[in-house]
N, C-alpha and C. Protein backbone atom coordinates (compact mmCIF):
# COMPACT_ATOMS: atom_id res chain seq x y z
N MET A 1 -214.14 219.47 160.99
CA MET A 1 -215.09 219.21 159.72
C MET A 1 -214.62 220.44 158.67
N SER A 2 -214.66 220.08 157.45
CA SER A 2 -214.22 221.11 156.33
C SER A 2 -215.40 221.91 156.14
N PHE A 3 -215.24 223.18 155.76
CA PHE A 3 -216.52 223.92 155.26
C PHE A 3 -217.14 223.55 154.26
N SER A 4 -216.45 222.80 153.51
CA SER A 4 -217.25 221.84 152.30
C SER A 4 -218.18 220.84 152.74
N SER A 5 -217.68 220.16 153.54
CA SER A 5 -218.22 219.20 154.46
C SER A 5 -219.72 219.62 154.91
N GLU A 6 -219.45 220.72 155.76
CA GLU A 6 -220.42 221.46 156.58
C GLU A 6 -221.73 221.93 155.53
N VAL A 7 -221.24 222.33 154.38
CA VAL A 7 -222.25 222.78 153.30
C VAL A 7 -223.14 221.52 152.90
N LYS A 8 -222.34 220.48 152.60
CA LYS A 8 -223.12 219.20 152.10
C LYS A 8 -224.06 218.51 153.01
N ASN A 9 -223.47 218.59 154.27
CA ASN A 9 -224.41 218.11 155.40
C ASN A 9 -225.75 219.09 155.45
N GLU A 10 -225.49 220.48 155.21
CA GLU A 10 -226.77 220.93 155.48
C GLU A 10 -227.70 220.85 154.24
N LEU A 11 -227.23 220.64 153.28
CA LEU A 11 -227.76 220.32 152.07
C LEU A 11 -228.50 218.81 152.00
N LYS A 12 -228.07 217.70 152.78
CA LYS A 12 -228.55 216.69 152.99
C LYS A 12 -229.55 216.71 153.73
N ILE A 13 -229.38 217.43 154.75
CA ILE A 13 -230.54 217.49 155.91
C ILE A 13 -231.74 218.17 155.27
N LYS A 14 -231.73 219.32 154.70
CA LYS A 14 -232.48 220.23 154.40
C LYS A 14 -233.44 219.78 153.05
N SER A 15 -232.53 218.73 152.13
CA SER A 15 -233.29 218.76 150.88
C SER A 15 -233.54 217.10 150.46
N PHE A 16 -232.27 216.43 150.45
CA PHE A 16 -232.34 214.86 150.28
C PHE A 16 -230.90 214.34 150.45
N THR A 17 -230.94 212.95 150.41
CA THR A 17 -229.74 212.35 150.60
C THR A 17 -229.53 211.59 149.32
N LEU A 18 -228.36 211.21 149.16
CA LEU A 18 -228.00 210.43 147.80
C LEU A 18 -228.67 209.10 147.92
N LYS A 19 -229.23 208.44 148.91
CA LYS A 19 -229.58 207.56 149.05
C LYS A 19 -231.12 207.31 148.44
N ASN A 20 -231.73 208.52 148.73
CA ASN A 20 -233.29 208.79 148.29
C ASN A 20 -233.48 209.44 146.98
N ARG A 21 -232.41 210.12 146.51
CA ARG A 21 -232.56 210.75 145.07
C ARG A 21 -231.42 210.48 144.32
N HIS A 22 -231.74 210.39 143.16
CA HIS A 22 -230.47 210.29 142.17
C HIS A 22 -229.61 211.43 142.02
N SER A 23 -228.51 211.32 141.93
CA SER A 23 -227.67 212.46 141.85
C SER A 23 -227.27 213.01 140.74
N LYS A 24 -227.43 212.00 139.61
CA LYS A 24 -227.22 212.49 138.22
C LYS A 24 -227.93 213.47 137.60
N ILE A 25 -227.20 214.47 137.02
CA ILE A 25 -227.70 215.60 136.43
C ILE A 25 -228.28 215.23 135.08
N GLY A 26 -229.37 215.72 134.76
CA GLY A 26 -229.94 215.52 133.57
C GLY A 26 -230.50 216.77 132.97
N SER A 27 -230.44 216.86 131.51
CA SER A 27 -230.73 217.90 130.69
C SER A 27 -232.24 217.84 130.61
N ASP A 28 -232.73 216.96 130.96
CA ASP A 28 -234.26 216.82 130.34
C ASP A 28 -235.14 216.96 131.42
N GLY A 29 -234.78 217.72 132.85
CA GLY A 29 -235.75 218.07 133.52
C GLY A 29 -236.24 216.90 134.61
N GLN A 30 -235.94 215.85 134.38
CA GLN A 30 -236.40 214.63 135.02
C GLN A 30 -235.98 214.52 136.56
N ASN A 31 -234.73 215.29 136.94
CA ASN A 31 -234.35 215.33 138.03
C ASN A 31 -234.65 216.59 138.80
N GLY A 32 -235.94 216.79 138.57
CA GLY A 32 -236.47 218.00 139.36
C GLY A 32 -236.02 219.69 138.76
N ASN A 33 -235.98 220.62 139.73
CA ASN A 33 -235.88 221.87 139.17
C ASN A 33 -234.21 221.96 139.25
N ARG A 34 -233.86 223.35 138.89
CA ARG A 34 -232.57 223.70 138.74
C ARG A 34 -231.74 223.80 140.45
N ARG A 35 -232.79 223.95 141.35
CA ARG A 35 -232.15 223.93 142.57
C ARG A 35 -231.68 222.54 142.90
N ASP A 36 -232.70 221.52 142.73
CA ASP A 36 -232.28 220.19 143.20
C ASP A 36 -231.28 219.58 142.17
N ARG A 37 -231.07 219.95 141.09
CA ARG A 37 -230.25 219.42 140.12
C ARG A 37 -228.85 219.98 140.46
N LEU A 38 -228.74 221.47 140.97
CA LEU A 38 -227.47 221.83 141.44
C LEU A 38 -227.10 221.17 142.76
N ILE A 39 -227.99 221.14 143.52
CA ILE A 39 -227.62 220.31 144.70
C ILE A 39 -227.11 219.08 144.58
N GLY A 40 -227.71 218.31 143.62
CA GLY A 40 -227.11 216.81 143.35
C GLY A 40 -225.73 217.07 142.73
N ALA A 41 -225.49 217.92 142.02
CA ALA A 41 -224.11 218.19 141.32
C ALA A 41 -223.23 218.36 142.39
N PHE A 42 -223.35 219.48 143.36
CA PHE A 42 -222.53 219.60 144.59
C PHE A 42 -222.11 218.41 145.20
N LEU A 43 -223.64 217.78 145.66
CA LEU A 43 -223.28 216.67 146.71
C LEU A 43 -222.20 215.56 145.97
N LYS A 44 -222.26 215.52 144.83
CA LYS A 44 -221.32 214.27 143.95
C LYS A 44 -220.05 215.05 143.77
N TYR A 45 -220.12 215.87 143.17
CA TYR A 45 -219.09 216.53 142.47
C TYR A 45 -218.16 217.85 143.09
N GLY A 46 -218.85 218.24 144.08
CA GLY A 46 -218.51 219.67 144.58
C GLY A 46 -217.62 219.74 145.59
N ARG A 47 -216.62 220.82 145.58
CA ARG A 47 -215.94 221.06 146.88
C ARG A 47 -215.77 222.80 147.04
N LEU A 48 -215.92 222.79 148.30
CA LEU A 48 -215.83 224.31 148.47
C LEU A 48 -214.64 224.76 149.67
N SER A 49 -213.99 225.59 149.16
CA SER A 49 -212.72 225.80 150.03
C SER A 49 -213.19 226.69 151.38
N ASP A 50 -212.31 226.82 152.10
CA ASP A 50 -212.29 227.57 153.43
C ASP A 50 -212.61 228.93 152.98
N PRO A 51 -213.69 229.84 152.99
CA PRO A 51 -213.43 231.06 152.65
C PRO A 51 -212.45 232.07 153.21
N ARG A 52 -211.92 231.63 154.71
CA ARG A 52 -211.24 232.39 155.33
C ARG A 52 -209.67 232.48 154.84
N LYS A 53 -209.65 231.49 153.94
CA LYS A 53 -208.27 231.09 153.04
C LYS A 53 -208.41 231.73 151.89
N ASN A 54 -209.40 231.30 150.96
CA ASN A 54 -209.49 231.76 149.73
C ASN A 54 -210.92 231.44 149.18
N TYR A 55 -211.49 232.21 148.11
CA TYR A 55 -212.79 231.93 147.46
C TYR A 55 -212.33 230.49 146.62
N HIS A 56 -212.99 229.50 146.54
CA HIS A 56 -212.93 228.46 145.49
C HIS A 56 -213.92 227.47 145.70
N LEU A 57 -214.90 227.59 144.75
CA LEU A 57 -215.81 226.24 144.54
C LEU A 57 -215.55 225.81 143.17
N GLU A 58 -215.49 224.35 143.15
CA GLU A 58 -215.44 223.54 141.94
C GLU A 58 -216.24 222.46 141.89
N PHE A 59 -216.62 221.98 140.81
CA PHE A 59 -217.25 220.62 140.17
C PHE A 59 -216.34 219.88 139.86
N SER A 60 -215.68 218.86 139.95
CA SER A 60 -214.63 218.02 139.50
C SER A 60 -214.84 217.01 139.27
N GLY A 61 -214.42 215.96 138.39
CA GLY A 61 -214.15 214.81 138.32
C GLY A 61 -215.46 214.06 137.31
N MET A 62 -215.99 215.11 136.40
CA MET A 62 -217.00 214.59 135.53
C MET A 62 -216.51 214.30 134.30
N GLY A 63 -217.65 214.01 133.49
CA GLY A 63 -217.44 213.60 131.95
C GLY A 63 -217.84 215.11 131.41
N GLN A 64 -217.86 215.13 129.81
CA GLN A 64 -218.22 216.08 129.23
C GLN A 64 -219.84 216.53 129.28
N GLU A 65 -220.52 215.36 129.18
CA GLU A 65 -222.06 215.93 129.35
C GLU A 65 -222.19 216.46 131.02
N GLU A 66 -221.82 215.86 131.81
CA GLU A 66 -222.02 216.29 133.06
C GLU A 66 -221.45 217.57 133.08
N THR A 67 -220.28 218.09 132.63
CA THR A 67 -220.18 219.56 132.45
C THR A 67 -220.67 220.39 132.20
N GLU A 68 -221.32 220.09 130.85
CA GLU A 68 -222.22 220.67 130.01
C GLU A 68 -223.24 221.37 130.72
N ASN A 69 -224.01 220.22 131.57
CA ASN A 69 -225.16 220.35 132.31
C ASN A 69 -224.94 221.29 133.36
N ILE A 70 -223.90 221.23 133.95
CA ILE A 70 -223.72 222.01 135.26
C ILE A 70 -223.19 223.50 134.90
N LEU A 71 -222.56 223.66 133.71
CA LEU A 71 -222.37 225.11 132.90
C LEU A 71 -223.55 225.93 132.66
N GLU A 72 -224.62 224.87 131.87
CA GLU A 72 -225.75 225.35 131.78
C GLU A 72 -226.71 226.05 133.06
N LEU A 73 -226.70 225.18 134.12
CA LEU A 73 -227.27 225.39 135.30
C LEU A 73 -227.04 227.11 135.62
N LEU A 74 -225.36 226.78 135.59
CA LEU A 74 -225.17 227.85 136.45
C LEU A 74 -225.33 229.23 135.14
N ARG A 75 -225.23 229.01 133.98
CA ARG A 75 -225.47 230.04 132.99
C ARG A 75 -226.81 230.45 133.22
N ASP A 76 -227.74 229.50 133.25
CA ASP A 76 -229.40 229.93 133.50
C ASP A 76 -229.63 230.67 134.72
N ALA A 77 -228.65 230.46 135.80
CA ALA A 77 -228.81 231.51 136.85
C ALA A 77 -228.22 232.69 136.74
N GLY A 78 -227.57 232.98 135.75
CA GLY A 78 -226.78 234.39 135.59
C GLY A 78 -225.29 234.24 136.44
N ILE A 79 -224.70 233.00 136.42
CA ILE A 79 -223.48 232.76 137.09
C ILE A 79 -222.51 232.19 136.10
N GLN A 80 -221.37 233.00 136.00
CA GLN A 80 -220.35 232.85 135.19
C GLN A 80 -219.41 231.95 135.82
N ALA A 81 -219.14 230.63 135.45
CA ALA A 81 -217.86 229.74 135.69
C ALA A 81 -216.73 229.65 134.95
N GLY A 82 -215.63 229.38 135.27
CA GLY A 82 -214.34 229.07 134.58
C GLY A 82 -214.50 227.35 134.44
N LEU A 83 -213.81 227.16 133.02
CA LEU A 83 -213.73 225.75 132.85
C LEU A 83 -212.24 225.23 132.73
N SER A 84 -211.65 224.09 133.37
CA SER A 84 -210.55 223.70 133.18
C SER A 84 -210.63 222.20 133.04
N GLU A 85 -209.31 221.45 133.40
CA GLU A 85 -209.15 220.21 133.38
C GLU A 85 -208.27 219.67 134.37
N ARG A 86 -208.57 218.60 135.08
CA ARG A 86 -207.79 218.09 135.97
C ARG A 86 -207.43 216.54 135.77
N LYS A 87 -206.37 215.98 135.53
CA LYS A 87 -206.23 214.62 135.45
C LYS A 87 -207.31 213.84 134.38
N GLY A 88 -207.18 214.59 133.43
CA GLY A 88 -208.27 214.05 132.26
C GLY A 88 -209.61 214.27 132.28
N LYS A 89 -210.15 214.85 133.47
CA LYS A 89 -211.34 215.17 133.97
C LYS A 89 -211.68 216.73 133.71
N GLN A 90 -213.04 217.03 133.37
CA GLN A 90 -213.24 218.40 133.20
C GLN A 90 -213.66 218.90 134.82
N LEU A 91 -213.13 220.27 134.81
CA LEU A 91 -213.55 220.94 136.26
C LEU A 91 -214.03 222.11 135.95
N VAL A 92 -215.06 222.54 136.58
CA VAL A 92 -215.89 223.83 136.52
C VAL A 92 -215.61 224.53 137.87
N TYR A 93 -215.17 225.67 138.05
CA TYR A 93 -214.63 226.46 138.92
C TYR A 93 -215.28 227.98 139.13
N LEU A 94 -215.60 228.39 140.39
CA LEU A 94 -215.72 229.72 140.63
C LEU A 94 -214.72 230.41 141.80
N LYS A 95 -214.22 231.67 141.44
CA LYS A 95 -213.31 232.02 142.06
C LYS A 95 -213.67 233.65 142.87
N GLU A 96 -215.18 234.01 142.64
CA GLU A 96 -215.27 235.02 143.26
C GLU A 96 -216.35 235.04 144.10
N GLY A 97 -215.93 235.88 144.96
CA GLY A 97 -217.10 235.55 146.31
C GLY A 97 -218.33 235.77 146.11
N GLU A 98 -218.71 236.95 145.28
CA GLU A 98 -220.32 236.95 144.97
C GLU A 98 -220.89 235.82 144.20
N ALA A 99 -220.21 235.47 143.13
CA ALA A 99 -220.54 234.19 142.56
C ALA A 99 -220.81 232.93 143.21
N ILE A 100 -219.96 232.69 144.43
CA ILE A 100 -220.00 231.47 145.12
C ILE A 100 -221.12 231.75 146.13
N SER A 101 -221.56 233.10 146.53
CA SER A 101 -222.53 233.31 147.37
C SER A 101 -223.83 232.94 146.53
N ASP A 102 -223.91 233.24 145.22
CA ASP A 102 -225.04 232.96 144.71
C ASP A 102 -225.23 231.53 144.50
N VAL A 103 -224.42 230.74 144.27
CA VAL A 103 -224.60 229.35 144.25
C VAL A 103 -225.11 229.01 145.56
N LEU A 104 -224.63 229.47 146.77
CA LEU A 104 -225.12 228.98 147.82
C LEU A 104 -226.35 229.32 148.29
N LYS A 105 -226.96 230.34 147.67
CA LYS A 105 -228.26 231.13 147.63
C LYS A 105 -229.07 230.17 146.91
N LEU A 106 -228.82 229.85 145.77
CA LEU A 106 -229.35 229.23 144.70
C LEU A 106 -229.86 227.70 145.46
N MET A 107 -228.52 227.17 146.19
CA MET A 107 -228.99 225.62 146.45
C MET A 107 -229.93 225.80 147.64
N GLY A 108 -230.12 227.01 148.39
CA GLY A 108 -230.76 226.84 149.87
C GLY A 108 -229.90 226.49 150.97
N ALA A 109 -228.69 226.86 150.67
CA ALA A 109 -227.78 226.32 151.97
C ALA A 109 -227.26 227.66 152.96
N SER A 110 -228.61 228.00 153.50
CA SER A 110 -228.89 229.44 154.10
C SER A 110 -227.73 229.30 155.12
N ASN A 111 -227.54 228.51 156.07
CA ASN A 111 -226.56 228.47 157.22
C ASN A 111 -225.02 228.73 156.64
N ALA A 112 -224.59 227.90 155.53
CA ALA A 112 -223.26 228.26 154.80
C ALA A 112 -223.35 229.60 154.29
N LEU A 113 -224.47 230.17 153.65
CA LEU A 113 -224.59 231.30 152.81
C LEU A 113 -224.16 232.40 154.00
N LEU A 114 -224.74 232.39 155.39
CA LEU A 114 -224.58 233.05 156.23
C LEU A 114 -223.20 233.30 156.74
N ALA A 115 -222.70 232.16 156.94
CA ALA A 115 -220.97 232.03 157.62
C ALA A 115 -220.32 232.66 156.24
N PHE A 116 -220.41 232.26 155.05
CA PHE A 116 -219.73 232.61 153.89
C PHE A 116 -219.76 234.28 153.92
N GLU A 117 -220.87 234.90 153.98
CA GLU A 117 -220.98 236.17 153.90
C GLU A 117 -220.48 237.11 155.10
N ASN A 118 -220.51 236.27 156.24
CA ASN A 118 -219.88 236.94 157.18
C ASN A 118 -218.30 237.02 157.21
N VAL A 119 -217.59 236.12 156.62
CA VAL A 119 -216.20 236.04 156.26
C VAL A 119 -216.01 237.02 155.31
N ARG A 120 -216.74 237.03 154.25
CA ARG A 120 -216.57 237.97 153.27
C ARG A 120 -216.58 239.50 153.62
N ILE A 121 -217.77 239.88 154.48
CA ILE A 121 -217.69 241.27 154.85
C ILE A 121 -216.59 241.41 155.86
N LEU A 122 -216.10 240.48 156.59
CA LEU A 122 -215.04 240.79 157.69
C LEU A 122 -213.57 240.93 156.67
N LYS A 123 -213.47 239.98 155.64
CA LYS A 123 -212.51 240.04 154.89
C LYS A 123 -212.20 241.46 154.06
N GLU A 124 -213.35 242.07 153.56
CA GLU A 124 -213.70 243.10 152.78
C GLU A 124 -213.22 244.35 153.85
N PHE A 125 -213.72 244.30 154.88
CA PHE A 125 -213.52 245.32 155.99
C PHE A 125 -211.91 245.46 156.24
N ARG A 126 -211.11 244.39 156.49
CA ARG A 126 -209.94 244.19 156.53
C ARG A 126 -208.99 244.85 155.53
N GLU A 127 -209.55 244.36 154.25
CA GLU A 127 -208.94 244.72 152.98
C GLU A 127 -208.88 246.40 152.76
N ASN A 128 -210.13 246.81 153.30
CA ASN A 128 -210.56 248.34 152.97
C ASN A 128 -209.54 249.03 154.14
N ILE A 129 -209.53 248.58 155.01
CA ILE A 129 -208.66 249.18 156.10
C ILE A 129 -207.17 249.24 155.70
N GLN A 130 -206.71 248.05 155.24
CA GLN A 130 -205.26 247.86 154.65
C GLN A 130 -205.14 248.86 153.53
N ARG A 131 -206.15 248.90 152.77
CA ARG A 131 -205.72 249.75 151.73
C ARG A 131 -205.63 251.21 151.90
N GLN A 132 -206.46 251.63 153.03
CA GLN A 132 -206.45 253.03 153.37
C GLN A 132 -205.18 253.53 154.18
N VAL A 133 -204.72 252.42 155.22
CA VAL A 133 -203.33 252.31 155.75
C VAL A 133 -202.39 252.64 154.72
N ASN A 134 -202.26 251.78 153.58
CA ASN A 134 -201.28 252.09 152.63
C ASN A 134 -201.29 253.35 151.78
N CYS A 135 -202.60 253.72 151.60
CA CYS A 135 -202.76 254.91 151.09
C CYS A 135 -202.11 256.14 151.99
N GLU A 136 -202.63 256.06 153.06
CA GLU A 136 -201.95 257.15 154.20
C GLU A 136 -200.50 257.16 154.43
N THR A 137 -199.81 255.71 154.45
CA THR A 137 -198.60 255.44 154.37
C THR A 137 -197.88 256.15 153.15
N ALA A 138 -198.40 255.82 152.05
CA ALA A 138 -197.61 256.43 150.97
C ALA A 138 -197.89 257.97 150.71
N ASN A 139 -199.04 258.62 151.20
CA ASN A 139 -199.02 259.79 151.37
C ASN A 139 -198.02 260.47 152.08
N LEU A 140 -197.96 259.99 153.18
CA LEU A 140 -196.91 260.35 154.33
C LEU A 140 -195.72 260.39 153.90
N GLN A 141 -195.29 259.26 153.30
CA GLN A 141 -193.86 259.18 152.65
C GLN A 141 -193.40 260.10 151.63
N LYS A 142 -194.49 260.58 150.79
CA LYS A 142 -194.33 261.36 149.85
C LYS A 142 -194.37 262.67 150.44
N THR A 143 -195.16 263.01 151.29
CA THR A 143 -194.80 264.36 152.19
C THR A 143 -193.74 264.57 152.58
N VAL A 144 -193.10 263.64 153.20
CA VAL A 144 -191.67 263.64 154.02
C VAL A 144 -190.63 263.84 153.10
N SER A 145 -190.88 263.01 152.18
CA SER A 145 -189.65 263.09 151.05
C SER A 145 -189.58 264.45 150.36
N ALA A 146 -190.90 265.18 150.08
CA ALA A 146 -190.82 266.27 149.38
C ALA A 146 -190.45 267.51 150.54
N SER A 147 -190.70 267.26 151.56
CA SER A 147 -190.43 268.22 152.59
C SER A 147 -188.65 268.21 152.92
N LEU A 148 -188.30 267.07 152.82
CA LEU A 148 -186.63 267.00 153.11
C LEU A 148 -186.06 267.56 151.79
N LYS A 149 -186.65 267.26 150.57
CA LYS A 149 -186.02 267.91 149.43
C LYS A 149 -186.05 269.56 149.34
N GLN A 150 -187.23 270.16 149.97
CA GLN A 150 -187.56 271.38 150.00
C GLN A 150 -186.63 272.08 150.99
N THR A 151 -186.40 271.58 152.19
CA THR A 151 -185.62 271.97 153.21
C THR A 151 -184.15 271.93 152.77
N GLU A 152 -183.55 270.97 152.04
CA GLU A 152 -182.46 270.89 151.54
C GLU A 152 -182.06 271.84 150.47
N ASP A 153 -183.00 271.96 149.76
CA ASP A 153 -183.12 273.08 148.63
C ASP A 153 -182.83 274.51 149.03
N ILE A 154 -183.64 275.08 150.23
CA ILE A 154 -183.58 276.16 150.60
C ILE A 154 -182.33 276.42 151.50
N ARG A 155 -181.86 275.40 152.30
CA ARG A 155 -180.49 275.29 152.83
C ARG A 155 -179.49 275.91 151.91
N TYR A 156 -179.56 275.26 150.73
CA TYR A 156 -178.55 275.46 149.41
C TYR A 156 -178.71 276.70 149.13
N LEU A 157 -179.65 277.26 148.97
CA LEU A 157 -180.07 278.61 148.46
C LEU A 157 -179.30 279.46 149.50
N ASP A 158 -179.72 279.22 150.78
CA ASP A 158 -179.22 280.11 151.78
C ASP A 158 -177.68 280.10 151.80
N LYS A 159 -176.95 279.02 151.46
CA LYS A 159 -175.62 279.05 151.37
C LYS A 159 -175.08 279.69 150.40
N ALA A 160 -175.46 279.54 148.94
CA ALA A 160 -175.19 280.11 147.69
C ALA A 160 -175.42 281.54 147.63
N ILE A 161 -176.73 282.20 147.98
CA ILE A 161 -176.91 283.34 147.56
C ILE A 161 -177.36 284.07 148.90
N GLY A 162 -177.89 283.23 149.75
CA GLY A 162 -178.69 284.05 151.10
C GLY A 162 -179.90 284.15 150.88
N ILE A 163 -180.93 283.72 152.08
CA ILE A 163 -182.05 283.57 152.05
C ILE A 163 -182.77 285.04 151.80
N GLY A 164 -181.92 286.02 152.55
CA GLY A 164 -182.29 287.62 152.57
C GLY A 164 -182.28 288.21 151.41
N ARG A 165 -181.67 287.65 150.16
CA ARG A 165 -181.46 288.29 148.78
C ARG A 165 -182.84 287.69 148.04
N LEU A 166 -183.79 287.14 148.61
CA LEU A 166 -184.89 286.54 147.86
C LEU A 166 -185.86 287.71 147.85
N PRO A 167 -186.99 287.19 147.07
CA PRO A 167 -188.33 288.17 147.11
C PRO A 167 -188.97 287.77 148.54
N GLU A 168 -189.55 288.91 149.19
CA GLU A 168 -190.19 288.56 150.47
C GLU A 168 -191.09 287.48 150.46
N SER A 169 -191.67 287.27 149.49
CA SER A 169 -192.69 286.11 149.21
C SER A 169 -192.06 284.64 149.58
N LEU A 170 -190.82 284.79 148.76
CA LEU A 170 -190.09 283.36 148.94
C LEU A 170 -189.48 283.41 150.28
N GLN A 171 -188.94 284.49 150.84
CA GLN A 171 -188.47 284.43 152.14
C GLN A 171 -189.29 283.81 153.16
N GLU A 172 -190.84 284.36 152.97
CA GLU A 172 -191.63 283.49 153.86
C GLU A 172 -191.68 282.25 153.93
N ALA A 173 -191.88 281.75 152.49
CA ALA A 173 -192.19 280.30 152.32
C ALA A 173 -190.99 279.65 152.99
N ALA A 174 -189.64 280.09 152.35
CA ALA A 174 -188.47 279.44 152.93
C ALA A 174 -188.46 279.14 154.41
N MET A 175 -188.65 280.31 155.21
CA MET A 175 -188.57 280.49 156.69
C MET A 175 -189.75 279.45 157.19
N LEU A 176 -190.86 279.27 156.62
CA LEU A 176 -191.89 278.29 157.02
C LEU A 176 -191.49 276.99 157.10
N ARG A 177 -190.62 276.76 155.67
CA ARG A 177 -190.20 275.37 155.85
C ARG A 177 -189.36 275.06 156.59
N LEU A 178 -188.41 275.69 156.76
CA LEU A 178 -187.29 275.75 157.63
C LEU A 178 -187.67 275.50 159.17
N SER A 179 -188.57 276.27 159.51
CA SER A 179 -189.19 276.32 160.87
C SER A 179 -190.04 275.35 161.24
N PHE A 180 -190.65 274.56 159.95
CA PHE A 180 -191.62 273.29 160.27
C PHE A 180 -191.20 272.25 159.05
N PRO A 181 -190.07 271.68 159.15
CA PRO A 181 -189.51 270.83 158.02
C PRO A 181 -190.38 269.62 157.88
N GLU A 182 -191.20 269.02 158.89
CA GLU A 182 -192.00 267.79 158.57
C GLU A 182 -193.25 268.29 158.39
N ALA A 183 -193.80 269.79 158.35
CA ALA A 183 -195.43 269.81 158.19
C ALA A 183 -195.81 269.83 156.68
N THR A 184 -197.13 269.53 156.69
CA THR A 184 -197.66 269.41 155.29
C THR A 184 -197.82 270.73 154.91
N LEU A 185 -198.44 270.95 153.61
CA LEU A 185 -198.50 272.10 152.89
C LEU A 185 -199.86 272.88 153.71
N GLN A 186 -200.48 272.13 153.99
CA GLN A 186 -201.78 272.70 154.62
C GLN A 186 -201.35 273.30 156.11
N GLU A 187 -200.60 272.42 156.77
CA GLU A 187 -200.25 272.97 158.10
C GLU A 187 -199.10 274.14 157.85
N LEU A 188 -198.36 274.43 156.99
CA LEU A 188 -197.79 275.40 156.96
C LEU A 188 -198.62 276.86 156.59
N ALA A 189 -199.72 276.59 155.86
CA ALA A 189 -200.42 277.57 155.29
C ALA A 189 -201.15 278.11 156.67
N ASP A 190 -201.38 277.15 157.48
CA ASP A 190 -202.13 277.03 158.83
C ASP A 190 -201.22 278.27 159.45
N GLU A 191 -199.89 278.03 159.59
CA GLU A 191 -198.90 278.53 160.52
C GLU A 191 -198.62 280.23 159.89
N ALA A 192 -199.14 280.31 158.67
CA ALA A 192 -198.96 281.76 158.03
C ALA A 192 -200.15 282.56 158.39
N GLU A 193 -201.27 281.85 159.18
CA GLU A 193 -202.20 282.64 159.51
C GLU A 193 -202.92 283.48 158.56
N GLY A 194 -203.39 282.92 157.42
CA GLY A 194 -204.18 283.54 156.30
C GLY A 194 -203.46 284.38 155.42
N ARG A 195 -202.11 284.52 155.67
CA ARG A 195 -201.37 285.37 154.64
C ARG A 195 -200.83 284.59 153.40
N ILE A 196 -201.26 283.35 153.34
CA ILE A 196 -201.05 282.45 152.19
C ILE A 196 -201.85 281.09 152.16
N THR A 197 -202.24 280.87 151.14
CA THR A 197 -202.86 279.55 151.06
C THR A 197 -202.02 278.44 150.97
N ARG A 198 -202.68 277.05 150.78
CA ARG A 198 -201.75 275.98 150.73
C ARG A 198 -200.99 276.09 149.26
N SER A 199 -202.03 276.55 148.28
CA SER A 199 -201.52 276.34 146.86
C SER A 199 -200.41 277.61 146.63
N GLY A 200 -200.60 278.65 147.55
CA GLY A 200 -199.25 279.46 147.27
C GLY A 200 -198.48 279.05 147.94
N ILE A 201 -198.54 278.39 149.22
CA ILE A 201 -196.99 277.69 149.76
C ILE A 201 -196.36 276.72 148.66
N ASN A 202 -197.38 275.83 148.27
CA ASN A 202 -196.91 274.95 147.30
C ASN A 202 -196.05 275.69 145.94
N HIS A 203 -196.77 276.62 145.37
CA HIS A 203 -195.92 277.33 144.40
C HIS A 203 -194.95 277.88 144.67
N ARG A 204 -194.57 278.54 145.77
CA ARG A 204 -193.38 279.31 146.24
C ARG A 204 -192.48 278.23 146.65
N LEU A 205 -192.67 277.13 147.29
CA LEU A 205 -191.70 276.14 147.34
C LEU A 205 -191.17 275.59 146.32
N ARG A 206 -192.18 275.59 145.18
CA ARG A 206 -191.55 274.80 143.95
C ARG A 206 -190.63 275.79 143.33
N ARG A 207 -190.97 277.12 143.43
CA ARG A 207 -190.22 278.18 142.85
C ARG A 207 -188.47 278.03 143.58
N LEU A 208 -188.61 277.90 144.77
CA LEU A 208 -187.61 277.82 145.68
C LEU A 208 -186.73 276.49 145.12
N SER A 209 -187.03 275.62 144.95
CA SER A 209 -186.65 274.13 144.40
C SER A 209 -186.12 274.31 143.16
N ARG A 210 -186.62 275.04 142.14
CA ARG A 210 -186.46 275.22 140.86
C ARG A 210 -185.16 276.18 140.95
N MET A 211 -185.12 277.25 141.65
CA MET A 211 -184.05 277.96 141.90
C MET A 211 -182.80 277.38 142.25
N ALA A 212 -182.75 276.08 143.34
CA ALA A 212 -181.82 275.83 143.57
C ALA A 212 -181.08 274.80 142.65
N ASP A 213 -181.96 273.99 141.77
CA ASP A 213 -181.60 272.96 140.81
C ASP A 213 -180.94 273.76 139.96
N GLN A 214 -181.42 275.06 139.43
CA GLN A 214 -180.81 275.71 138.40
C GLN A 214 -179.23 276.29 139.04
N LEU A 215 -179.27 276.72 140.16
CA LEU A 215 -177.66 276.98 140.73
C LEU A 215 -176.96 275.73 140.84
N ARG A 216 -177.82 274.80 141.01
CA ARG A 216 -176.56 273.35 141.28
C ARG A 216 -176.26 273.10 139.68
N GLU A 217 -177.29 273.32 138.80
CA GLU A 217 -176.77 272.92 137.38
C GLU A 217 -175.63 274.23 136.78
N ALA A 218 -175.83 275.19 137.26
CA ALA A 218 -174.76 276.18 136.90
C ALA A 218 -173.46 276.00 137.54
N GLY A 219 -173.49 275.67 138.75
CA GLY A 219 -172.05 275.23 139.00
C GLY A 219 -171.50 273.98 138.77
N LYS A 220 -172.32 273.05 138.47
CA LYS A 220 -171.69 271.84 137.65
C LYS A 220 -171.15 272.28 136.30
N ALA A 221 -171.88 273.08 135.72
CA ALA A 221 -171.43 273.73 134.26
C ALA A 221 -169.84 274.43 134.20
N ARG A 222 -170.11 275.29 135.41
CA ARG A 222 -168.51 275.99 135.64
C ARG A 222 -167.37 275.12 135.87
N LEU A 223 -167.77 273.83 136.41
CA LEU A 223 -166.78 273.05 136.99
C LEU A 223 -166.35 272.42 135.77
N THR A 224 -167.16 272.17 135.02
CA THR A 224 -166.79 271.51 133.63
C THR A 224 -165.99 272.44 132.40
């Protein structure tokens, strides 16, 4: 059974069936309060996708008057919906999880609401974990790329002018990077045992890279 069918079955059991209550939505209040009117609309025109796949609730196959009444019901409840058209018929839809939860709550579909929220929580948890993993992976890749560039620059300087000819502060940074080519800046600072801070390591490695770039450019200029 689809999730949409489960919601409708719950609403029929808890509230009413199409046999004993008219499902047409009226704007004159004759068909009961907002909750009953929205239930009637969902039973007749509604469809809700399986939240494990995507968030999508729609009311479709309606005329202009019925569409306006549904939009009014949702607006009165503070729920913003989209409006489209399918096969010449109006279609009211919601694609935000929170808005769909609000509709289920308004209709009193407590079992469906609980199931929907459980799926939302699990999906959000997984998405947050994935974002964190992606962020950490990107930072790691950035760190590795920067470390490889720094190591390459230092080796170039050593070959071009010799590390021993550099100021002592730059020599220390260069040797730390060569000794720990995959270490983060903080890890290099830790290896320095308080002699230099993370920002100090970063500043010195940047200076070394600039020097290497300048030497490369000077070498290219001589060749041309």
